[in-house]
PDB file of N, CA and C in Angstrom:
ATOM      1  N   MET A   1     -38.679 -56.127 -58.518  1.00  0.00           N
ATOM      2  CA  MET A   1     -39.240 -56.325 -59.784  1.00  0.00           C
ATOM      3  C   MET A   1     -40.136 -57.038 -60.787  1.00  0.00           C
ATOM      4  N   ARG A   2     -40.309 -57.881 -60.096  1.00  0.00           N
ATOM      5  CA  ARG A   2     -41.197 -59.013 -60.431  1.00  0.00           C
ATOM      6  C   ARG A   2     -42.955 -59.195 -59.695  1.00  0.00           C
ATOM      7  N   ALA A   3     -43.202 -58.412 -59.041  1.00  0.00           N
ATOM      8  CA  ALA A   3     -44.173 -57.881 -58.318  1.00  0.00           C
ATOM      9  C   ALA A   3     -45.037 -56.477 -58.702  1.00  0.00           C
ATOM     10  N   VAL A   4     -46.169 -56.697 -58.346  1.00  0.00           N
ATOM     11  CA  VAL A   4     -47.288 -55.471 -59.543  1.00  0.00           C
ATOM     12  C   VAL A   4     -47.133 -54.671 -57.925  1.00  0.00           C
ATOM     13  N   GLN A   5     -47.153 -53.755 -58.598  1.00  0.00           N
ATOM     14  CA  GLN A   5     -46.744 -52.367 -57.709  1.00  0.00           C
ATOM     15  C   GLN A   5     -47.859 -51.516 -58.084  1.00  0.00           C
ATOM     16  N   ILE A   6     -48.030 -50.522 -57.142  1.00  0.00           N
ATOM     17  CA  ILE A   6     -48.940 -49.609 -57.195  1.00  0.00           C
ATOM     18  C   ILE A   6     -48.201 -48.400 -57.665  1.00  0.00           C
ATOM     19  N   GLY A   7     -49.058 -48.159 -58.461  1.00  0.00           N
ATOM     20  CA  GLY A   7     -48.588 -47.258 -60.151  1.00  0.00           C
ATOM     21  C   GLY A   7     -48.509 -45.372 -59.241  1.00  0.00           C
ATOM     22  N   ALA A   8     -47.122 -45.211 -59.716  1.00  0.00           N
ATOM     23  CA  ALA A   8     -47.095 -43.952 -58.720  1.00  0.00           C
ATOM     24  C   ALA A   8     -45.831 -42.828 -60.065  1.00  0.00           C
ATOM     25  N   ARG A   9     -45.917 -42.050 -60.479  1.00  0.00           N
ATOM     26  CA  ARG A   9     -45.038 -41.148 -61.470  1.00  0.00           C
ATOM     27  C   ARG A   9     -43.823 -41.417 -60.746  1.00  0.00           C
ATOM     28  N   THR A  10     -42.815 -42.295 -62.030  1.00  0.00           N
ATOM     29  CA  THR A  10     -41.502 -42.421 -61.395  1.00  0.00           C
ATOM     30  C   THR A  10     -40.520 -42.045 -62.237  1.00  0.00           C
ATOM     31  N   PRO A  11     -40.351 -40.937 -62.094  1.00  0.00           N
ATOM     32  CA  PRO A  11     -39.076 -40.669 -63.319  1.00  0.00           C
ATOM     33  C   PRO A  11     -37.970 -40.883 -63.250  1.00  0.00           C
ATOM     34  N   VAL A  12     -37.335 -41.493 -62.076  1.00  0.00           N
ATOM     35  CA  VAL A  12     -36.228 -41.950 -61.831  1.00  0.00           C
ATOM     36  C   VAL A  12     -36.365 -43.566 -61.367  1.00  0.00           C
ATOM     37  N   LEU A  13     -35.262 -44.541 -62.012  1.00  0.00           N
ATOM     38  CA  LEU A  13     -36.409 -46.074 -61.542  1.00  0.00           C
ATOM     39  C   LEU A  13     -35.154 -45.817 -59.775  1.00  0.00           C
ATOM     40  N   ALA A  14     -35.617 -47.043 -59.076  1.00  0.00           N
ATOM     41  CA  ALA A  14     -34.873 -46.989 -57.796  1.00  0.00           C
ATOM     42  C   ALA A  14     -33.739 -47.960 -57.826  1.00  0.00           C
ATOM     43  N   HIS A  15     -32.714 -47.113 -56.851  1.00  0.00           N
ATOM     44  CA  HIS A  15     -32.055 -48.249 -56.966  1.00  0.00           C
ATOM     45  C   HIS A  15     -32.093 -50.158 -56.997  1.00  0.00           C
ATOM     46  N   ASP A  16     -32.824 -50.600 -56.699  1.00  0.00           N
ATOM     47  CA  ASP A  16     -33.303 -51.611 -56.670  1.00  0.00           C
ATOM     48  C   ASP A  16     -34.223 -52.230 -57.521  1.00  0.00           C
ATOM     49  N   GLY A  17     -34.514 -51.456 -58.223  1.00  0.00           N
ATOM     50  CA  GLY A  17     -35.791 -51.483 -58.897  1.00  0.00           C
ATOM     51  C   GLY A  17     -36.816 -52.151 -58.964  1.00  0.00           C
ATOM     52  N   HIS A  18     -37.165 -51.982 -57.071  1.00  0.00           N
ATOM     53  CA  HIS A  18     -39.307 -52.275 -56.736  1.00  0.00           C
ATOM     54  C   HIS A  18     -39.866 -51.795 -57.446  1.00  0.00           C
ATOM     55  N   ASP A  19     -39.956 -50.139 -58.136  1.00  0.00           N
ATOM     56  CA  ASP A  19     -40.888 -49.274 -59.378  1.00  0.00           C
ATOM     57  C   ASP A  19     -40.665 -49.547 -60.455  1.00  0.00           C
ATOM     58  N   LEU A  20     -39.541 -50.500 -61.175  1.00  0.00           N
ATOM     59  CA  LEU A  20     -39.770 -50.995 -62.362  1.00  0.00           C
ATOM     60  C   LEU A  20     -40.577 -50.232 -63.670  1.00  0.00           C
ATOM     61  N   ALA A  21     -42.098 -51.340 -62.964  1.00  0.00           N
ATOM     62  CA  ALA A  21     -43.209 -50.861 -63.830  1.00  0.00           C
ATOM     63  C   ALA A  21     -43.680 -49.020 -63.615  1.00  0.00           C
ATOM     64  N   ALA A  22     -43.698 -48.645 -62.775  1.00  0.00           N
ATOM     65  CA  ALA A  22     -44.027 -47.022 -62.644  1.00  0.00           C
ATOM     66  C   ALA A  22     -42.965 -46.387 -63.616  1.00  0.00           C
ATOM     67  N   ALA A  23     -41.938 -46.489 -63.148  1.00  0.00           N
ATOM     68  CA  ALA A  23     -40.852 -46.203 -64.074  1.00  0.00           C
ATOM     69  C   ALA A  23     -41.164 -45.840 -66.065  1.00  0.00           C
ATOM     70  N   ILE A  24     -41.671 -47.522 -66.405  1.00  0.00           N
ATOM     71  CA  ILE A  24     -41.284 -47.460 -67.892  1.00  0.00           C
ATOM     72  C   ILE A  24     -43.178 -46.645 -68.014  1.00  0.00           C
ATOM     73  N   GLN A  25     -43.453 -47.004 -66.891  1.00  0.00           N
ATOM     74  CA  GLN A  25     -45.343 -46.108 -67.691  1.00  0.00           C
ATOM     75  C   GLN A  25     -44.843 -44.671 -67.877  1.00  0.00           C
ATOM     76  N   THR A  26     -44.089 -44.255 -66.177  1.00  0.00           N
ATOM     77  CA  THR A  26     -43.269 -42.663 -66.656  1.00  0.00           C
ATOM     78  C   THR A  26     -43.007 -42.432 -67.921  1.00  0.00           C
ATOM     79  N   ASN A  27     -41.705 -43.536 -68.626  1.00  0.00           N
ATOM     80  CA  ASN A  27     -41.259 -42.742 -69.225  1.00  0.00           C
ATOM     81  C   ASN A  27     -42.110 -42.703 -71.021  1.00  0.00           C
ATOM     82  N   ILE A  28     -43.313 -44.122 -70.770  1.00  0.00           N
ATOM     83  CA  ILE A  28     -44.068 -43.999 -71.940  1.00  0.00           C
ATOM     84  C   ILE A  28     -44.783 -42.805 -72.174  1.00  0.00           C
ATOM     85  N   GLU A  29     -45.144 -42.373 -70.549  1.00  0.00           N
ATOM     86  CA  GLU A  29     -46.041 -41.272 -70.604  1.00  0.00           C
ATOM     87  C   GLU A  29     -45.607 -39.508 -71.428  1.00  0.00           C
ATOM     88  N   ASN A  30     -44.337 -39.814 -70.952  1.00  0.00           N
ATOM     89  CA  ASN A  30     -43.646 -38.435 -70.373  1.00  0.00           C
ATOM     90  C   ASN A  30     -42.086 -38.009 -70.968  1.00  0.00           C
ATOM     91  N   GLY A  31     -41.362 -39.574 -71.349  1.00  0.00           N
ATOM     92  CA  GLY A  31     -40.267 -39.604 -71.817  1.00  0.00           C
ATOM     93  C   GLY A  31     -40.370 -39.978 -73.171  1.00  0.00           C
ATOM     94  N   ASP A  32     -38.879 -40.635 -74.250  1.00  0.00           N
ATOM     95  CA  ASP A  32     -39.065 -41.281 -75.041  1.00  0.00           C
ATOM     96  C   ASP A  32     -38.891 -42.588 -75.392  1.00  0.00           C
ATOM     97  N   PRO A  33     -40.609 -43.288 -75.553  1.00  0.00           N
ATOM     98  CA  PRO A  33     -40.535 -44.806 -75.759  1.00  0.00           C
ATOM     99  C   PRO A  33     -40.412 -45.290 -76.624  1.00  0.00           C
ATOM    100  N   THR A  34     -40.271 -44.440 -77.611  1.00  0.00           N
ATOM    101  CA  THR A  34     -39.072 -45.006 -79.604  1.00  0.00           C
ATOM    102  C   THR A  34     -38.689 -45.689 -78.963  1.00  0.00           C
ATOM    103  N   ALA A  35     -37.707 -45.464 -78.400  1.00  0.00           N
ATOM    104  CA  ALA A  35     -35.877 -45.206 -78.480  1.00  0.00           C
ATOM    105  C   ALA A  35     -35.997 -46.932 -77.127  1.00  0.00           C
ATOM    106  N   ARG A  36     -36.152 -46.272 -76.429  1.00  0.00           N
ATOM    107  CA  ARG A  36     -36.510 -48.195 -75.586  1.00  0.00           C
ATOM    108  C   ARG A  36     -37.339 -49.472 -76.242  1.00  0.00           C
ATOM    109  N   ALA A  37     -37.993 -48.972 -77.118  1.00  0.00           N
ATOM    110  CA  ALA A  37     -38.964 -49.727 -77.461  1.00  0.00           C
ATOM    111  C   ALA A  37     -38.113 -50.481 -78.675  1.00  0.00           C
ATOM    112  N   ALA A  38     -37.437 -49.550 -79.143  1.00  0.00           N
ATOM    113  CA  ALA A  38     -36.542 -50.233 -79.959  1.00  0.00           C
ATOM    114  C   ALA A  38     -35.185 -50.965 -79.467  1.00  0.00           C
ATOM    115  N   ALA A  39     -35.130 -50.619 -78.554  1.00  0.00           N
ATOM    116  CA  ALA A  39     -34.520 -51.420 -78.096  1.00  0.00           C
ATOM    117  C   ALA A  39     -34.676 -53.355 -77.950  1.00  0.00           C
ATOM    118  N   VAL A  40     -35.537 -53.250 -76.437  1.00  0.00           N
ATOM    119  CA  VAL A  40     -36.857 -54.171 -76.373  1.00  0.00           C
ATOM    120  C   VAL A  40     -36.398 -54.846 -77.872  1.00  0.00           C
ATOM    121  N   ALA A  41     -37.186 -54.625 -78.941  1.00  0.00           N
ATOM    122  CA  ALA A  41     -37.777 -55.658 -80.387  1.00  0.00           C
ATOM    123  C   ALA A  41     -36.560 -56.174 -80.574  1.00  0.00           C
ATOM    124  N   ASP A  42     -35.048 -55.270 -80.858  1.00  0.00           N
ATOM    125  CA  ASP A  42     -34.179 -55.261 -81.261  1.00  0.00           C
ATOM    126  C   ASP A  42     -33.439 -57.020 -80.027  1.00  0.00           C
ATOM    127  N   ALA A  43     -34.036 -56.837 -78.972  1.00  0.00           N
ATOM    128  CA  ALA A  43     -32.578 -57.293 -78.201  1.00  0.00           C
ATOM    129  C   ALA A  43     -33.672 -58.812 -78.015  1.00  0.00           C
ATOM    130  N   PHE A  44     -35.305 -59.021 -78.667  1.00  0.00           N
ATOM    131  CA  PHE A  44     -35.956 -59.597 -78.058  1.00  0.00           C
ATOM    132  C   PHE A  44     -36.933 -60.315 -79.650  1.00  0.00           C
ATOM    133  N   GLY A  45     -36.280 -60.617 -80.386  1.00  0.00           N
ATOM    134  CA  GLY A  45     -36.904 -60.753 -82.176  1.00  0.00           C
ATOM    135  C   GLY A  45     -38.389 -59.879 -81.896  1.00  0.00           C
ATOM    136  N   GLY A  46     -38.640 -59.026 -81.789  1.00  0.00           N
ATOM    137  CA  GLY A  46     -39.567 -58.096 -82.249  1.00  0.00           C
ATOM    138  C   GLY A  46     -40.808 -58.175 -81.027  1.00  0.00           C
ATOM    139  N   ALA A  47     -39.910 -58.019 -79.294  1.00  0.00           N
ATOM    140  CA  ALA A  47     -40.893 -57.973 -78.299  1.00  0.00           C
ATOM    141  C   ALA A  47     -41.126 -56.981 -78.028  1.00  0.00           C
ATOM    142  N   GLY A  48     -42.005 -56.379 -76.993  1.00  0.00           N
ATOM    143  CA  GLY A  48     -42.707 -55.517 -76.523  1.00  0.00           C
ATOM    144  C   GLY A  48     -42.507 -55.732 -75.247  1.00  0.00           C
ATOM    145  N   VAL A  49     -42.556 -54.352 -74.141  1.00  0.00           N
ATOM    146  CA  VAL A  49     -42.898 -54.250 -73.272  1.00  0.00           C
ATOM    147  C   VAL A  49     -43.974 -52.992 -72.909  1.00  0.00           C
ATOM    148  N   HIS A  50     -45.112 -53.688 -72.005  1.00  0.00           N
ATOM    149  CA  HIS A  50     -45.865 -52.807 -71.773  1.00  0.00           C
ATOM    150  C   HIS A  50     -46.055 -53.019 -70.321  1.00  0.00           C
ATOM    151  N   ILE A  51     -46.902 -52.282 -70.038  1.00  0.00           N
ATOM    152  CA  ILE A  51     -47.464 -52.196 -68.619  1.00  0.00           C
ATOM    153  C   ILE A  51     -49.375 -52.542 -68.124  1.00  0.00           C
ATOM    154  N   ASP A  52     -49.657 -53.453 -67.908  1.00  0.00           N
ATOM    155  CA  ASP A  52     -50.490 -53.866 -67.740  1.00  0.00           C
ATOM    156  C   ASP A  52     -51.141 -52.676 -66.405  1.00  0.00           C
ATOM    157  N   VAL A  53     -52.121 -51.928 -66.285  1.00  0.00           N
ATOM    158  CA  VAL A  53     -52.487 -51.505 -65.154  1.00  0.00           C
ATOM    159  C   VAL A  53     -54.053 -52.061 -64.512  1.00  0.00           C
ATOM    160  N   SER A  54     -54.148 -52.465 -63.272  1.00  0.00           N
ATOM    161  CA  SER A  54     -55.469 -52.677 -63.181  1.00  0.00           C
ATOM    162  C   SER A  54     -55.741 -52.033 -61.206  1.00  0.00           C
ATOM    163  N   GLY A  55     -56.714 -50.985 -61.688  1.00  0.00           N
ATOM    164  CA  GLY A  55     -56.665 -50.260 -60.987  1.00  0.00           C
ATOM    165  C   GLY A  55     -55.647 -48.876 -60.645  1.00  0.00           C
ATOM    166  N   ALA A  56     -55.354 -49.567 -59.626  1.00  0.00           N
ATOM    167  CA  ALA A  56     -53.581 -48.738 -59.288  1.00  0.00           C
ATOM    168  C   ALA A  56     -52.547 -49.062 -58.962  1.00  0.00           C
ATOM    169  N   GLN A  57     -53.002 -50.341 -59.565  1.00  0.00           N
ATOM    170  CA  GLN A  57     -51.253 -51.304 -59.593  1.00  0.00           C
ATOM    171  C   GLN A  57     -50.977 -51.943 -60.987  1.00  0.00           C
ATOM    172  N   PHE A  58     -49.525 -51.575 -61.061  1.00  0.00           N
ATOM    173  CA  PHE A  58     -48.681 -51.285 -62.588  1.00  0.00           C
ATOM    174  C   PHE A  58     -48.242 -53.336 -62.438  1.00  0.00           C
ATOM    175  N   GLU A  59     -48.455 -53.684 -63.590  1.00  0.00           N
ATOM    176  CA  GLU A  59     -47.216 -54.642 -63.655  1.00  0.00           C
ATOM    177  C   GLU A  59     -46.891 -55.166 -65.276  1.00  0.00           C
ATOM    178  N   VAL A  60     -45.417 -55.147 -65.130  1.00  0.00           N
ATOM    179  CA  VAL A  60     -44.672 -55.461 -66.805  1.00  0.00           C
ATOM    180  C   VAL A  60     -44.598 -56.523 -66.769  1.00  0.00           C
ATOM    181  N   MET A  61     -45.431 -56.258 -68.816  1.00  0.00           N
ATOM    182  CA  MET A  61     -45.522 -57.298 -69.298  1.00  0.00           C
ATOM    183  C   MET A  61     -44.707 -57.223 -70.911  1.00  0.00           C
ATOM    184  N   LEU A  62     -44.296 -58.580 -70.904  1.00  0.00           N
ATOM    185  CA  LEU A  62     -42.935 -58.965 -72.225  1.00  0.00           C
ATOM    186  C   LEU A  62     -43.948 -59.845 -73.484  1.00  0.00           C
ATOM    187  N   ALA A  63     -44.741 -58.956 -74.329  1.00  0.00           N
ATOM    188  CA  ALA A  63     -45.279 -59.440 -75.557  1.00  0.00           C
ATOM    189  C   ALA A  63     -43.990 -60.395 -76.582  1.00  0.00           C
ATOM    190  N   MET A  64     -44.290 -61.835 -76.490  1.00  0.00           N
ATOM    191  CA  MET A  64     -43.568 -61.600 -77.518  1.00  0.00           C
ATOM    192  C   MET A  64     -43.837 -62.566 -78.810  1.00  0.00           C
ATOM    193  N   PRO A  65     -42.865 -62.195 -80.008  1.00  0.00           N
ATOM    194  CA  PRO A  65     -43.711 -63.017 -80.936  1.00  0.00           C
ATOM    195  C   PRO A  65     -43.950 -63.876 -81.500  1.00  0.00           C
ATOM    196  N   LYS A  66     -45.366 -64.893 -81.651  1.00  0.00           N
ATOM    197  CA  LYS A  66     -45.667 -66.341 -81.918  1.00  0.00           C
ATOM    198  C   LYS A  66     -45.808 -66.932 -80.660  1.00  0.00           C
ATOM    199  N   THR A  67     -45.809 -66.046 -79.735  1.00  0.00           N
ATOM    200  CA  THR A  67     -46.786 -66.449 -77.649  1.00  0.00           C
ATOM    201  C   THR A  67     -48.379 -66.184 -78.081  1.00  0.00           C
ATOM    202  N   SER A  68     -48.924 -67.225 -77.403  1.00  0.00           N
ATOM    203  CA  SER A  68     -50.441 -66.282 -77.234  1.00  0.00           C
ATOM    204  C   SER A  68     -51.243 -65.727 -75.595  1.00  0.00           C
ATOM    205  N   ARG A  69     -49.328 -65.375 -75.115  1.00  0.00           N
ATOM    206  CA  ARG A  69     -50.204 -64.448 -74.591  1.00  0.00           C
ATOM    207  C   ARG A  69     -49.305 -63.531 -73.714  1.00  0.00           C
ATOM    208  N   PRO A  70     -48.894 -62.622 -73.497  1.00  0.00           N
ATOM    209  CA  PRO A  70     -47.642 -62.155 -72.908  1.00  0.00           C
ATOM    210  C   PRO A  70     -47.162 -62.535 -71.483  1.00  0.00           C
ATOM    211  N   LEU A  71     -45.908 -62.223 -71.426  1.00  0.00           N
ATOM    212  CA  LEU A  71     -45.159 -63.100 -70.740  1.00  0.00           C
ATOM    213  C   LEU A  71     -45.173 -61.827 -69.122  1.00  0.00           C
ATOM    214  N   ALA A  72     -45.522 -62.296 -67.828  1.00  0.00           N
ATOM    215  CA  ALA A  72     -45.623 -61.680 -66.838  1.00  0.00           C
ATOM    216  C   ALA A  72     -43.683 -61.027 -66.207  1.00  0.00           C
ATOM    217  N   ALA A  73     -43.844 -60.511 -65.602  1.00  0.00           N
ATOM    218  CA  ALA A  73     -42.213 -60.198 -65.285  1.00  0.00           C
ATOM    219  C   ALA A  73     -41.327 -61.375 -64.071  1.00  0.00           C
ATOM    220  N   ALA A  74     -43.199 -61.889 -63.589  1.00  0.00           N
ATOM    221  CA  ALA A  74     -42.407 -63.130 -62.473  1.00  0.00           C
ATOM    222  C   ALA A  74     -42.032 -64.388 -63.590  1.00  0.00           C
ATOM    223  N   GLU A  75     -42.515 -64.128 -64.388  1.00  0.00           N
ATOM    224  CA  GLU A  75     -42.491 -65.247 -65.608  1.00  0.00           C
ATOM    225  C   GLU A  75     -40.637 -64.828 -66.048  1.00  0.00           C
ATOM    226  N   LEU A  76     -40.101 -64.172 -66.505  1.00  0.00           N
ATOM    227  CA  LEU A  76     -39.019 -63.159 -66.972  1.00  0.00           C
ATOM    228  C   LEU A  76     -37.794 -63.879 -66.739  1.00  0.00           C
ATOM    229  N   SER A  77     -36.495 -64.524 -67.356  1.00  0.00           N
ATOM    230  CA  SER A  77     -35.563 -64.834 -66.604  1.00  0.00           C
ATOM    231  C   SER A  77     -35.338 -63.875 -65.963  1.00  0.00           C
ATOM    232  N   ASP A  78     -33.958 -63.521 -65.354  1.00  0.00           N
ATOM    233  CA  ASP A  78     -33.239 -62.773 -64.293  1.00  0.00           C
ATOM    234  C   ASP A  78     -32.752 -61.908 -65.673  1.00  0.00           C
ATOM    235  N   GLY A  79     -31.718 -62.411 -66.699  1.00  0.00           N
ATOM    236  CA  GLY A  79     -31.209 -61.893 -67.905  1.00  0.00           C
ATOM    237  C   GLY A  79     -32.275 -60.412 -68.612  1.00  0.00           C
ATOM    238  N   THR A  80     -33.420 -60.815 -68.683  1.00  0.00           N
ATOM    239  CA  THR A  80     -34.525 -60.510 -69.475  1.00  0.00           C
ATOM    240  C   THR A  80     -35.256 -59.107 -68.190  1.00  0.00           C
ATOM    241  N   LEU A  81     -34.897 -59.486 -67.239  1.00  0.00           N
ATOM    242  CA  LEU A  81     -36.006 -58.023 -66.098  1.00  0.00           C
ATOM    243  C   LEU A  81     -34.671 -57.296 -65.679  1.00  0.00           C
ATOM    244  N   ARG A  82     -33.742 -57.973 -66.153  1.00  0.00           N
ATOM    245  CA  ARG A  82     -32.419 -57.271 -66.136  1.00  0.00           C
ATOM    246  C   ARG A  82     -32.090 -56.321 -67.151  1.00  0.00           C
ATOM    247  N   TYR A  83     -32.252 -56.812 -67.740  1.00  0.00           N
ATOM    248  CA  TYR A  83     -32.014 -55.980 -69.469  1.00  0.00           C
ATOM    249  C   TYR A  83     -33.497 -55.239 -69.388  1.00  0.00           C
ATOM    250  N   ILE A  84     -34.361 -55.022 -69.200  1.00  0.00           N
ATOM    251  CA  ILE A  84     -35.883 -54.602 -69.235  1.00  0.00           C
ATOM    252  C   ILE A  84     -34.851 -52.981 -67.867  1.00  0.00           C
ATOM    253  N   ALA A  85     -34.754 -53.618 -66.919  1.00  0.00           N
ATOM    254  CA  ALA A  85     -34.172 -52.318 -66.086  1.00  0.00           C
ATOM    255  C   ALA A  85     -33.020 -51.411 -66.381  1.00  0.00           C
ATOM    256  N   LEU A  86     -31.925 -52.481 -66.709  1.00  0.00           N
ATOM    257  CA  LEU A  86     -30.999 -51.240 -67.724  1.00  0.00           C
ATOM    258  C   LEU A  86     -31.543 -50.217 -68.549  1.00  0.00           C
ATOM    259  N   LEU A  87     -32.944 -49.807 -69.540  1.00  0.00           N
ATOM    260  CA  LEU A  87     -33.797 -49.681 -70.385  1.00  0.00           C
ATOM    261  C   LEU A  87     -33.574 -48.446 -69.402  1.00  0.00           C
ATOM    262  N   ALA A  88     -35.235 -49.045 -68.537  1.00  0.00           N
ATOM    263  CA  ALA A  88     -35.430 -48.440 -67.713  1.00  0.00           C
ATOM    264  C   ALA A  88     -34.543 -47.355 -67.461  1.00  0.00           C
ATOM    265  N   ALA A  89     -33.830 -46.966 -66.692  1.00  0.00           N
ATOM    266  CA  ALA A  89     -32.825 -46.607 -66.050  1.00  0.00           C
ATOM    267  C   ALA A  89     -31.803 -45.607 -67.317  1.00  0.00           C
ATOM    268  N   LEU A  90     -31.766 -45.866 -68.372  1.00  0.00           N
ATOM    269  CA  LEU A  90     -30.915 -45.672 -69.015  1.00  0.00           C
ATOM    270  C   LEU A  90     -31.987 -43.956 -70.015  1.00  0.00           C
ATOM    271  N   HIS A  91     -33.191 -44.755 -69.915  1.00  0.00           N
ATOM    272  CA  HIS A  91     -33.870 -44.006 -70.732  1.00  0.00           C
ATOM    273  C   HIS A  91     -34.800 -43.436 -69.776  1.00  0.00           C
ATOM    274  N   SER A  92     -34.429 -43.061 -68.750  1.00  0.00           N
ATOM    275  CA  SER A  92     -35.459 -42.371 -67.641  1.00  0.00           C
ATOM    276  C   SER A  92     -35.504 -40.604 -68.535  1.00  0.00           C
ATOM    277  N   PRO A  93     -37.428 -40.419 -68.192  1.00  0.00           N
ATOM    278  CA  PRO A  93     -37.575 -38.427 -68.638  1.00  0.00           C
ATOM    279  C   PRO A  93     -36.279 -37.322 -68.281  1.00  0.00           C
ATOM    280  N   ARG A  94     -36.354 -37.871 -66.797  1.00  0.00           N
ATOM    281  CA  ARG A  94     -35.343 -36.778 -66.059  1.00  0.00           C
ATOM    282  C   ARG A  94     -33.737 -38.254 -65.609  1.00  0.00           C
ATOM    283  N   PRO A  95     -32.596 -38.435 -66.504  1.00  0.00           N
ATOM    284  CA  PRO A  95     -31.968 -38.746 -66.256  1.00  0.00           C
ATOM    285  C   PRO A  95     -30.998 -38.032 -65.151  1.00  0.00           C
ATOM    286  N   PRO A  96     -30.396 -39.059 -64.177  1.00  0.00           N
ATOM    287  CA  PRO A  96     -29.636 -38.679 -63.268  1.00  0.00           C
ATOM    288  C   PRO A  96     -28.275 -37.698 -63.235  1.00  0.00           C
ATOM    289  N   GLU A  97     -27.634 -37.120 -62.354  1.00  0.00           N
ATOM    290  CA  GLU A  97     -26.013 -36.586 -63.211  1.00  0.00           C
ATOM    291  C   GLU A  97     -25.486 -37.515 -62.908  1.00  0.00           C
ATOM    292  N   LEU A  98     -25.260 -38.584 -62.387  1.00  0.00           N
ATOM    293  CA  LEU A  98     -24.492 -39.513 -61.982  1.00  0.00           C
ATOM    294  C   LEU A  98     -25.185 -40.922 -61.822  1.00  0.00           C
ATOM    295  N   LEU A  99     -24.783 -41.818 -63.206  1.00  0.00           N
ATOM    296  CA  LEU A  99     -25.620 -43.074 -62.786  1.00  0.00           C
ATOM    297  C   LEU A  99     -24.507 -43.834 -63.125  1.00  0.00           C
ATOM    298  N   VAL A 100     -24.745 -45.035 -61.726  1.00  0.00           N
ATOM    299  CA  VAL A 100     -22.978 -46.313 -62.065  1.00  0.00           C
ATOM    300  C   VAL A 100     -24.187 -47.542 -62.115  1.00  0.00           C
ATOM    301  N   LEU A 101     -23.814 -48.062 -62.507  1.00  0.00           N
ATOM    302  CA  LEU A 101     -24.134 -49.320 -62.884  1.00  0.00           C
ATOM    303  C   LEU A 101     -23.018 -50.699 -62.786  1.00  0.00           C
ATOM    304  N   ASN A 102     -23.336 -51.463 -61.419  1.00  0.00           N
ATOM    305  CA  ASN A 102     -22.315 -52.326 -60.943  1.00  0.00           C
ATOM    306  C   ASN A 102     -22.372 -53.759 -62.039  1.00  0.00           C
ATOM    307  N   GLU A 103     -21.734 -54.207 -62.846  1.00  0.00           N
ATOM    308  CA  GLU A 103     -21.414 -55.001 -63.558  1.00  0.00           C
ATOM    309  C   GLU A 103     -22.868 -55.351 -64.061  1.00  0.00           C
ATOM    310  N   PRO A 104     -23.260 -54.552 -65.168  1.00  0.00           N
ATOM    311  CA  PRO A 104     -24.530 -54.285 -65.374  1.00  0.00           C
ATOM    312  C   PRO A 104     -24.214 -55.638 -66.602  1.00  0.00           C
ATOM    313  N   GLU A 105     -23.780 -55.789 -67.096  1.00  0.00           N
ATOM    314  CA  GLU A 105     -23.780 -57.415 -67.724  1.00  0.00           C
ATOM    315  C   GLU A 105     -23.568 -58.981 -67.353  1.00  0.00           C
ATOM    316  N   ILE A 106     -24.105 -58.771 -65.808  1.00  0.00           N
ATOM    317  CA  ILE A 106     -24.482 -60.191 -65.268  1.00  0.00           C
ATOM    318  C   ILE A 106     -25.816 -59.976 -65.451  1.00  0.00           C
ATOM    319  N   SER A 107     -25.392 -62.191 -66.210  1.00  0.00           N
ATOM    320  CA  SER A 107     -26.626 -62.619 -66.797  1.00  0.00           C
ATOM    321  C   SER A 107     -27.775 -61.434 -68.004  1.00  0.00           C
ATOM    322  N   LEU A 108     -26.785 -61.401 -68.253  1.00  0.00           N
ATOM    323  CA  LEU A 108     -27.300 -60.522 -69.853  1.00  0.00           C
ATOM    324  C   LEU A 108     -26.476 -61.574 -71.464  1.00  0.00           C
ATOM    325  N   HIS A 109     -27.630 -61.854 -71.883  1.00  0.00           N
ATOM    326  CA  HIS A 109     -27.129 -62.932 -73.341  1.00  0.00           C
ATOM    327  C   HIS A 109     -25.854 -61.631 -74.175  1.00  0.00           C
ATOM    328  N   PRO A 110     -25.359 -61.808 -74.735  1.00  0.00           N
ATOM    329  CA  PRO A 110     -23.916 -60.948 -75.550  1.00  0.00           C
ATOM    330  C   PRO A 110     -25.026 -60.514 -76.575  1.00  0.00           C
TER     331      PRO A 110
END
């Protein structure tokens, strides 16, 4: 989830989250990005997630209020990254019929 990824349309997040940036970008383009954005802003004091696109490569970025630059996925805590991945899975433009989350609260702040 922390790595820069090749961008491709990804309507459903992979089981290991390796396509997180592509899944978020697909949600932005084809899903309901408003709900996901509101959940991120609420959880992280007005922060916003966006995808930095450089050629064919996508990277997850988190823009925090009062910081001089957005933080790349490699700089985020495990809990923050896991929360963003959960949002990507739950706000998929094509949700699966069955979604099983194994201990989703691990590393998350209440």
